[in-house]
């Protein structure tokens, strides 16, 4: 319907705007795997509450109608977003019963039979665990039931969401689309074995596009190992690899560690100790691995300084105005998110929702003050100046922070040479061991 098309465009536009502000960078892989036509059920891991559907709406080439727990409709800040996205309420047992889920399934079947897309999180909950949680059967039953209702062709598309630091403002995220899963022609929603088989296929598809570890310590170990093994040691200046570039290595290390630890626990324990020592030393010196590997040639260093300083200087006066006009709404989301900092899957959602309300409210108040001082022209000017200079202030802060961080790293590596040498020795030891772990079979480890 035209109305739904307009709502989808508005939902996508709002999602992309929020993502552009909240994340420094969002990468997307495998978008070409999404079928252009026909019914699609998108399934994704769920570790970042309402930010997860925002990523999918903003990045996927087709906008899905998401299933969302019905209790969200009682939240006045979330309700308009659910309406804009055309979300479908689902009634979970832990929220008071499933009596109306026949209605939920019927709406999904209607959307899919019309060649639309539905999105859901088959884990059933948002969580802060380092691995997928057991999947519910709802996605399989919806796909098979919709096909019986006339949704042909039908595909289930797994989508993996990976975050650098999911609760931190201006971090990075990766959206990875896996191969579509085509339900067997003879499978039916009433057949428990068919539902179970499709659920297992969905689980396998999601594991191909997500990172799964036994603990957060293992996750950090695999992340650090992938960064060390996959780094470009010929860089003249520091530079962080894209999340997607190291994703296969992080998966490989997670898989290999388990096998190697079982076969050679003492050797792997020694490697883990070295990695932890390296990681602690980096944190103590406020360095990154790419600082240790950078060669810092004078020519490139001077070029970097020569570009950065003028770039900062011309932004400075606009950034000062932006700071003055936007400081309170900028700080408020962090203060609110601090109330749920012990719930690892919630801070990002609180930041996004608070910012979505706080910035327009403060801009409205500033426009009202400008109107009282300078009339309509002043209010119109404020409506432009406040958000634009706020964006310039944010970018100035990031560039300024990056400049001084890189300068500090350069000084530390030169003024504390014994620590720099220790880092390089530890790194060389780890890289040799990691090469054996990745390129050699587990039983070949000494």
Protein backbone atom coordinates (compact mmCIF):
# COMPACT_ATOMS: atom_id res chain seq x y z
CA UNK A 1 0.00 0.00 0.00
CA UNK A 2 1.24 3.56 -0.64
CA UNK A 3 0.81 4.39 3.06
CA UNK A 4 3.02 1.48 4.09
CA UNK A 5 5.59 2.45 1.46
CA UNK A 6 5.78 5.93 2.92
CA UNK A 7 6.05 4.55 6.45
CA UNK A 8 8.88 2.25 5.38
CA UNK A 9 10.79 5.14 3.82
CA UNK A 10 10.31 7.27 6.92
CA UNK A 11 11.36 4.38 9.19
CA UNK A 12 14.45 3.72 7.09
CA UNK A 13 15.34 7.42 7.00
CA UNK A 14 15.00 7.81 10.77
CA UNK A 15 16.97 4.61 11.42
CA UNK A 16 19.81 5.74 9.15
CA UNK A 17 19.91 9.17 10.79
CA UNK A 18 20.13 7.64 14.26
CA UNK A 19 22.79 5.17 13.13
CA UNK A 20 24.81 7.94 11.51
CA UNK A 21 24.85 9.85 14.78
CA UNK A 22 25.23 6.98 17.24
CA UNK A 23 27.88 4.97 15.39
CA UNK A 24 31.19 6.12 14.03
CA UNK A 25 30.93 3.45 11.33
CA UNK A 26 28.47 0.73 10.37
CA UNK A 27 29.62 -1.93 7.93
CA UNK A 28 27.37 -4.20 5.90
CA UNK A 29 28.34 -7.48 4.24
CA UNK A 30 26.34 -9.84 2.07
CA UNK A 31 23.41 -7.52 1.32
CA UNK A 32 23.32 -8.97 -2.20
CA UNK A 33 22.16 -12.27 -0.67
CA UNK A 34 18.78 -10.81 0.26
CA UNK A 35 16.16 -11.96 -2.30
CA UNK A 36 14.80 -9.01 -4.26
CA UNK A 37 11.30 -10.52 -4.43
CA UNK A 38 9.18 -13.01 -2.57
CA UNK A 39 8.52 -13.67 1.07
CA UNK A 40 11.47 -13.29 3.43
CA UNK A 41 11.80 -14.00 7.13
CA UNK A 42 14.86 -12.20 8.51
CA UNK A 43 16.32 -13.79 11.65
CA UNK A 44 19.06 -12.12 13.70
CA UNK A 45 20.93 -12.45 16.98
CA UNK A 46 19.68 -10.17 19.72
CA UNK A 47 22.29 -8.66 22.03
CA UNK A 48 21.54 -4.93 21.90
CA UNK A 49 17.82 -4.47 22.59
CA UNK A 50 16.09 -1.88 20.36
CA UNK A 51 19.31 -0.98 18.57
CA UNK A 52 19.21 -4.36 16.78
CA UNK A 53 16.02 -3.71 14.76
CA UNK A 54 17.23 -0.16 14.10
CA UNK A 55 20.34 -1.58 12.41
CA UNK A 56 18.31 -3.97 10.29
CA UNK A 57 15.77 -1.35 9.22
CA UNK A 58 18.55 1.07 8.31
CA UNK A 59 20.86 -1.38 6.51
CA UNK A 60 18.85 -4.18 4.90
CA UNK A 61 17.69 -3.61 1.31
CA UNK A 62 14.16 -4.63 2.32
CA UNK A 63 12.43 -3.22 5.39
CA UNK A 64 10.94 -6.02 7.51
CA UNK A 65 7.92 -5.85 9.80
CA UNK A 66 9.40 -6.79 13.16
CA UNK A 67 7.83 -8.92 15.82
CA UNK A 68 8.13 -7.11 19.16
CA UNK A 69 6.97 -8.06 22.64
CA UNK A 70 3.57 -6.50 23.26
CA UNK A 71 4.73 -4.83 26.49
CA UNK A 72 6.76 -2.35 24.44
CA UNK A 73 3.53 -0.68 23.29
CA UNK A 74 3.07 0.60 26.86
CA UNK A 75 6.30 2.64 26.56
CA UNK A 76 5.37 6.13 25.29
CA UNK A 77 8.86 6.73 23.89
CA UNK A 78 8.87 3.48 21.92
CA UNK A 79 5.23 3.29 20.79
CA UNK A 80 5.54 5.83 17.93
CA UNK A 81 8.61 4.01 16.60
CA UNK A 82 6.75 0.68 16.65
CA UNK A 83 3.86 2.24 14.75
CA UNK A 84 6.18 3.81 12.17
CA UNK A 85 7.95 0.49 11.59
CA UNK A 86 4.67 -1.42 11.37
CA UNK A 87 5.79 -3.78 14.13
CA UNK A 88 3.68 -6.79 15.01
CA UNK A 89 3.06 -7.54 18.72
CA UNK A 90 3.99 -10.96 20.01
CA UNK A 91 2.76 -12.30 23.33
CA UNK A 92 5.42 -14.19 25.26
CA UNK A 93 4.78 -16.59 28.12
CA UNK A 94 7.10 -14.65 30.44
CA UNK A 95 5.09 -11.48 29.73
CA UNK A 96 1.76 -12.93 30.78
CA UNK A 97 0.65 -15.49 28.23
CA UNK A 98 0.44 -16.46 24.56
CA UNK A 99 -3.33 -16.45 24.05
CA UNK A 100 -3.26 -13.89 21.22
CA UNK A 101 -0.35 -15.34 19.26
CA UNK A 102 -2.71 -16.85 16.69
CA UNK A 103 -3.41 -13.25 15.71
CA UNK A 104 0.34 -12.57 15.55
CA UNK A 105 0.93 -15.54 13.26
CA UNK A 106 -2.02 -14.57 11.06
CA UNK A 107 -0.59 -11.06 10.55
CA UNK A 108 2.82 -12.52 9.68
CA UNK A 109 1.23 -14.90 7.17
CA UNK A 110 -0.63 -11.98 5.59
CA UNK A 111 2.54 -9.91 5.18
CA UNK A 112 4.53 -12.84 3.78
CA UNK A 113 1.77 -14.05 1.45
CA UNK A 114 1.81 -10.57 -0.10
CA UNK A 115 5.55 -10.97 -0.82
CA UNK A 116 6.66 -8.89 2.15
CA UNK A 117 9.33 -9.34 4.80
CA UNK A 118 9.08 -10.14 8.49
CA UNK A 119 11.91 -9.83 11.00
CA UNK A 120 12.36 -11.51 14.35
CA UNK A 121 14.95 -12.52 16.90
CA UNK A 122 14.58 -16.28 17.41
CA UNK A 123 16.49 -16.27 20.71
CA UNK A 124 13.32 -14.68 22.10
CA UNK A 125 15.15 -12.28 24.41
CA UNK A 126 17.75 -9.55 24.27
CA UNK A 127 20.77 -10.62 26.30
CA UNK A 128 24.39 -9.85 27.16
CA UNK A 129 25.91 -13.28 26.59
CA UNK A 130 28.92 -13.91 24.29
CA UNK A 131 27.09 -16.60 22.30
CA UNK A 132 23.72 -17.31 20.73
CA UNK A 133 21.08 -18.47 23.18
CA UNK A 134 18.86 -21.48 22.38
CA UNK A 135 16.50 -20.63 19.55
CA UNK A 136 12.72 -20.72 19.81
CA UNK A 137 10.74 -22.42 17.04
CA UNK A 138 8.67 -19.36 16.12
CA UNK A 139 10.70 -18.38 13.06
CA UNK A 140 10.42 -21.87 11.56
CA UNK A 141 6.71 -22.10 12.27
CA UNK A 142 6.08 -18.68 10.74
CA UNK A 143 8.05 -19.53 7.59
CA UNK A 144 6.38 -22.90 7.10
CA UNK A 145 2.92 -21.63 8.01
CA UNK A 146 3.22 -18.65 5.67
CA UNK A 147 4.21 -20.91 2.78
CA UNK A 148 1.12 -23.02 3.41
CA UNK A 149 -0.88 -19.77 3.31
CA UNK A 150 0.45 -18.96 -0.17
CA UNK A 151 3.81 -17.27 0.47
CA UNK A 152 5.94 -18.54 -2.41
CA UNK A 153 8.87 -18.36 -2.86
CA UNK A 154 9.89 -18.38 0.79
CA UNK A 155 13.37 -17.74 2.20
CA UNK A 156 14.71 -17.42 5.73
CA UNK A 157 17.71 -15.05 5.79
CA UNK A 158 20.08 -15.09 8.79
CA UNK A 159 21.66 -11.77 9.79
CA UNK A 160 24.52 -11.43 12.25
CA UNK A 161 25.04 -8.28 14.32
CA UNK A 162 28.53 -7.68 15.71
CA UNK A 163 29.48 -4.70 17.86
CA UNK A 164 32.84 -3.24 18.76
CA UNK A 165 31.55 -1.92 22.11
CA UNK A 166 27.80 -2.12 21.91
CA UNK A 167 27.01 0.28 24.74
CA UNK A 168 29.48 3.00 23.72
CA UNK A 169 28.49 6.06 21.73
CA UNK A 170 30.39 6.44 18.43
CA UNK A 171 31.75 2.91 18.31
CA UNK A 172 31.37 0.55 15.32
CA UNK A 173 28.97 -2.17 14.20
CA UNK A 174 28.86 -4.88 11.55
CA UNK A 175 25.76 -6.30 9.81
CA UNK A 176 26.52 -9.58 8.03
CA UNK A 177 23.90 -11.33 5.89
CA UNK A 178 24.19 -15.08 5.47
CA UNK A 179 23.00 -17.42 2.75
CA UNK A 180 19.20 -17.73 2.47
CA UNK A 181 17.70 -20.89 3.90
CA UNK A 182 15.01 -22.45 1.72
CA UNK A 183 12.56 -24.66 3.65
CA UNK A 184 12.13 -28.17 2.28
CA UNK A 185 9.13 -28.35 -0.10
CA UNK A 186 7.48 -31.14 1.89
CA UNK A 187 7.90 -29.42 5.28
CA UNK A 188 4.80 -28.24 7.14
CA UNK A 189 4.29 -26.18 10.27
CA UNK A 190 2.28 -29.01 11.89
CA UNK A 191 5.20 -31.40 11.49
CA UNK A 192 7.30 -31.12 14.66
CA UNK A 193 10.29 -32.80 13.01
CA UNK A 194 10.19 -30.33 10.08
CA UNK A 195 9.97 -27.36 12.46
CA UNK A 196 12.88 -28.72 14.45
CA UNK A 197 14.97 -29.30 11.31
CA UNK A 198 14.35 -25.78 10.04
CA UNK A 199 15.13 -24.32 13.48
CA UNK A 200 18.44 -26.22 13.47
CA UNK A 201 19.20 -24.87 9.98
CA UNK A 202 18.46 -21.34 11.22
CA UNK A 203 20.76 -21.89 14.19
CA UNK A 204 23.56 -23.06 11.88
CA UNK A 205 22.97 -20.10 9.55
CA UNK A 206 23.14 -17.62 12.41
CA UNK A 207 26.33 -19.17 13.75
CA UNK A 208 27.94 -18.61 10.35
CA UNK A 209 27.39 -14.84 10.68
CA UNK A 210 27.89 -14.33 14.43
CA UNK A 211 30.69 -14.69 16.95
CA UNK A 212 30.10 -17.27 19.65
CA UNK A 213 32.37 -17.86 22.64
CA UNK A 214 32.26 -19.72 25.91
CA UNK A 215 32.92 -16.52 27.89
CA UNK A 216 33.64 -12.83 27.45
CA UNK A 217 37.24 -13.57 28.38
CA UNK A 218 37.46 -16.00 25.45
CA UNK A 219 35.84 -13.37 23.23
CA UNK A 220 38.44 -10.77 24.20
CA UNK A 221 41.21 -13.29 23.66
CA UNK A 222 39.97 -14.14 20.17
CA UNK A 223 39.54 -10.45 19.32
CA UNK A 224 43.07 -9.60 20.41
CA UNK A 225 44.50 -12.63 18.61
CA UNK A 226 42.75 -11.77 15.37
CA UNK A 227 43.99 -8.19 15.57
CA UNK A 228 47.57 -9.35 16.12
CA UNK A 229 47.53 -12.07 13.46
CA UNK A 230 45.66 -10.06 10.85
CA UNK A 231 47.50 -6.74 11.29
CA UNK A 232 49.39 -5.04 8.47
CA UNK A 233 52.89 -4.75 9.93
CA UNK A 234 54.04 -2.52 7.07
CA UNK A 235 51.87 0.46 8.04
CA UNK A 236 53.61 3.80 8.28
CA UNK A 237 50.93 5.17 10.62
CA UNK A 238 48.40 3.52 12.94
CA UNK A 239 45.10 2.44 11.49
CA UNK A 240 42.37 0.10 12.71
CA UNK A 241 41.06 -2.63 10.44
CA UNK A 242 37.38 -2.78 9.60
CA UNK A 243 35.29 -5.07 11.79
CA UNK A 244 34.42 -7.21 8.80
CA UNK A 245 38.06 -7.68 7.87
CA UNK A 246 38.86 -9.52 11.10
CA UNK A 247 35.51 -11.30 11.47
CA UNK A 248 36.64 -14.59 9.83
CA UNK A 249 39.79 -14.64 11.95
CA UNK A 250 37.86 -14.04 15.15
CA UNK A 251 35.60 -16.98 14.30
CA UNK A 252 38.58 -19.15 13.39
CA UNK A 253 40.38 -18.39 16.64
CA UNK A 254 37.27 -19.15 18.65
CA UNK A 255 36.95 -22.53 16.98
CA UNK A 256 40.66 -23.37 17.07
CA UNK A 257 41.15 -22.36 20.67
CA UNK A 258 38.62 -24.92 21.86
CA UNK A 259 40.27 -27.72 19.88
CA UNK A 260 43.82 -26.68 20.80
CA UNK A 261 42.94 -26.21 24.47
CA UNK A 262 41.56 -29.75 24.60
CA UNK A 263 44.63 -31.22 22.86
CA UNK A 264 47.40 -29.10 24.43
CA UNK A 265 46.04 -27.27 27.48
CA UNK A 266 49.45 -26.26 28.88
CA UNK A 267 50.68 -24.67 25.68
CA UNK A 268 47.43 -22.84 25.10
CA UNK A 269 47.42 -21.65 28.72
CA UNK A 270 50.91 -20.20 28.17
CA UNK A 271 49.73 -18.42 25.01
CA UNK A 272 46.70 -17.04 26.83
CA UNK A 273 48.97 -15.71 29.57
CA UNK A 274 51.13 -13.89 27.03
CA UNK A 275 48.06 -12.43 25.29
CA UNK A 276 46.67 -11.22 28.61
CA UNK A 277 50.01 -9.69 29.56
CA UNK A 278 50.15 -7.88 26.20
CA UNK A 279 46.55 -6.71 26.54
CA UNK A 280 47.10 -5.41 30.11
CA UNK A 281 50.24 -3.56 29.03
CA UNK A 282 48.40 -1.95 26.12
CA UNK A 283 45.62 -0.82 28.42
CA UNK A 284 48.06 0.49 31.03
CA UNK A 285 49.86 2.59 28.40
CA UNK A 286 46.59 3.53 26.63
CA UNK A 287 47.85 2.06 23.37
CA UNK A 288 46.39 -0.14 20.65
CA UNK A 289 47.98 -2.96 18.72
CA UNK A 290 48.18 -0.82 15.57
CA UNK A 291 50.28 1.70 17.52
CA UNK A 292 52.83 -1.01 18.26
CA UNK A 293 53.10 -2.10 14.61
CA UNK A 294 53.16 1.36 13.02
CA UNK A 295 56.56 2.45 11.67
CA UNK A 296 55.80 6.19 12.12
CA UNK A 297 57.89 7.52 9.25
CA UNK A 298 58.66 11.24 9.64
CA UNK A 299 57.23 12.06 6.25
CA UNK A 300 53.85 10.49 7.00
CA UNK A 301 53.79 11.82 10.55
CA UNK A 302 54.39 15.39 9.36
CA UNK A 303 51.76 14.99 6.65
CA UNK A 304 49.30 13.78 9.29
CA UNK A 305 50.00 16.77 11.56
CA UNK A 306 49.89 19.17 8.63
CA UNK A 307 46.44 17.94 7.67
CA UNK A 308 44.95 17.57 11.15
CA UNK A 309 45.83 20.94 12.67
CA UNK A 310 44.23 23.13 9.95
CA UNK A 311 41.24 20.78 9.93
CA UNK A 312 40.78 21.30 13.66
CA UNK A 313 41.37 25.06 13.55
CA UNK A 314 38.67 25.88 10.99
CA UNK A 315 36.14 23.77 12.93
CA UNK A 316 37.00 25.28 16.32
CA UNK A 317 34.67 28.35 16.35
CA UNK A 318 31.71 26.36 15.00
CA UNK A 319 32.43 23.56 17.46
CA UNK A 320 32.44 26.06 20.34
CA UNK A 321 28.96 27.25 19.34
CA UNK A 322 27.80 23.67 18.94
CA UNK A 323 29.12 22.76 22.37
CA UNK A 324 27.29 25.66 23.96
CA UNK A 325 23.98 24.78 22.29
CA UNK A 326 24.18 20.99 22.62
CA UNK A 327 26.16 20.16 25.75
CA UNK A 328 23.22 19.25 27.99
CA UNK A 329 21.33 17.04 25.50
CA UNK A 330 24.67 15.44 24.59
CA UNK A 331 25.44 14.54 28.21
CA UNK A 332 21.92 13.53 29.23
CA UNK A 333 21.79 10.18 27.34
CA UNK A 334 24.97 9.04 29.07
CA UNK A 335 23.61 9.98 32.48
CA UNK A 336 20.37 8.09 31.82
CA UNK A 337 22.20 5.04 30.43
CA UNK A 338 24.29 4.97 33.58
CA UNK A 339 21.15 3.85 35.42
CA UNK A 340 21.25 0.53 33.51
CA UNK A 341 24.98 0.12 33.03
CA UNK A 342 24.85 -3.26 34.78
CA UNK A 343 22.51 -4.53 32.03
CA UNK A 344 24.89 -4.93 29.11
CA UNK A 345 22.21 -5.10 26.41
CA UNK A 346 20.36 -1.93 27.49
CA UNK A 347 22.68 1.15 27.65
CA UNK A 348 22.75 1.77 23.89
CA UNK A 349 18.95 1.68 23.70
CA UNK A 350 18.62 4.16 26.57
CA UNK A 351 21.15 6.46 24.93
CA UNK A 352 19.39 6.39 21.56
CA UNK A 353 15.90 6.92 22.98
CA UNK A 354 17.00 9.66 25.38
CA UNK A 355 18.88 11.47 22.63
CA UNK A 356 15.93 11.11 20.27
CA UNK A 357 13.80 13.03 22.79
CA UNK A 358 16.38 15.33 24.40
CA UNK A 359 17.87 16.98 21.32
CA UNK A 360 14.56 18.08 19.71
CA UNK A 361 13.30 19.32 23.10
CA UNK A 362 16.42 21.40 23.75
CA UNK A 363 16.48 22.69 20.18
CA UNK A 364 12.83 23.69 20.56
CA UNK A 365 13.59 25.60 23.75
CA UNK A 366 16.54 27.35 22.09
CA UNK A 367 14.36 28.29 19.13
CA UNK A 368 11.77 29.71 21.51
CA UNK A 369 14.44 31.80 23.25
CA UNK A 370 15.72 32.97 19.87
CA UNK A 371 12.17 33.91 18.86
CA UNK A 372 11.72 36.01 21.99
CA UNK A 373 15.06 37.77 21.38
CA UNK A 374 15.18 38.15 17.58
CA UNK A 375 11.80 37.14 16.23
CA UNK A 376 10.96 34.56 13.59
CA UNK A 377 14.20 35.01 11.67
CA UNK A 378 16.20 34.30 14.82
CA UNK A 379 14.17 31.17 15.55
CA UNK A 380 14.60 29.92 11.98
CA UNK A 381 18.34 30.54 12.17
CA UNK A 382 18.55 28.69 15.50
CA UNK A 383 16.67 25.72 14.02
CA UNK A 384 19.54 25.36 11.55
CA UNK A 385 22.49 26.47 13.66
CA UNK A 386 21.83 24.23 16.70
CA UNK A 387 21.87 20.83 14.92
CA UNK A 388 24.51 21.76 12.33
CA UNK A 389 27.01 23.14 14.83
CA UNK A 390 26.21 20.22 17.12
CA UNK A 391 27.34 17.83 14.39
CA UNK A 392 30.46 19.90 13.76
CA UNK A 393 31.21 19.87 17.51
CA UNK A 394 30.91 16.08 17.60
CA UNK A 395 33.24 15.64 14.65
CA UNK A 396 35.66 18.20 16.11
CA UNK A 397 35.73 16.34 19.42
CA UNK A 398 36.46 13.04 17.67
CA UNK A 399 39.19 14.48 15.49
CA UNK A 400 40.75 16.37 18.40
CA UNK A 401 40.66 13.28 20.62
CA UNK A 402 42.16 11.16 17.84
CA UNK A 403 44.94 13.70 17.21
CA UNK A 404 46.06 13.83 20.82
CA UNK A 405 45.70 10.07 21.27
CA UNK A 406 47.96 9.41 18.29
CA UNK A 407 50.46 12.04 19.45
CA UNK A 408 50.50 10.54 22.94
CA UNK A 409 51.04 7.03 21.52
CA UNK A 410 53.97 8.27 19.44
CA UNK A 411 55.54 9.90 22.52
CA UNK A 412 54.99 6.88 24.79
CA UNK A 413 56.65 4.50 22.35
CA UNK A 414 59.69 6.79 22.19
CA UNK A 415 59.95 8.00 25.77
CA UNK A 416 59.38 4.57 27.35
CA UNK A 417 61.51 2.39 25.04
CA UNK A 418 61.75 -0.58 27.41
CA UNK A 419 57.94 -0.87 27.41
CA UNK A 420 57.85 -0.50 23.64
CA UNK A 421 60.42 -3.27 23.27
CA UNK A 422 58.50 -5.49 25.69
CA UNK A 423 55.34 -5.00 23.63
CA UNK A 424 57.13 -5.89 20.41
CA UNK A 425 58.71 -9.02 21.93
CA UNK A 426 55.39 -10.19 23.35
CA UNK A 427 53.70 -9.50 20.05
CA UNK A 428 56.29 -11.45 18.06
CA UNK A 429 55.91 -14.43 20.40
CA UNK A 430 52.14 -14.37 20.07
CA UNK A 431 52.15 -14.01 16.32
CA UNK A 432 54.37 -17.08 15.91
CA UNK A 433 52.12 -19.14 18.18
CA UNK A 434 48.96 -17.85 16.55
CA UNK A 435 50.29 -18.65 13.10
CA UNK A 436 50.80 -22.24 14.22
CA UNK A 437 47.31 -22.28 15.72
CA UNK A 438 45.55 -20.95 12.61
CA UNK A 439 47.62 -22.41 9.79
CA UNK A 440 48.53 -25.71 11.38
CA UNK A 441 46.13 -28.45 12.37
CA UNK A 442 45.39 -28.54 16.11
CA UNK A 443 47.27 -31.81 16.57
CA UNK A 444 50.41 -30.22 15.11
CA UNK A 445 50.71 -27.77 17.98
CA UNK A 446 53.72 -28.56 20.11
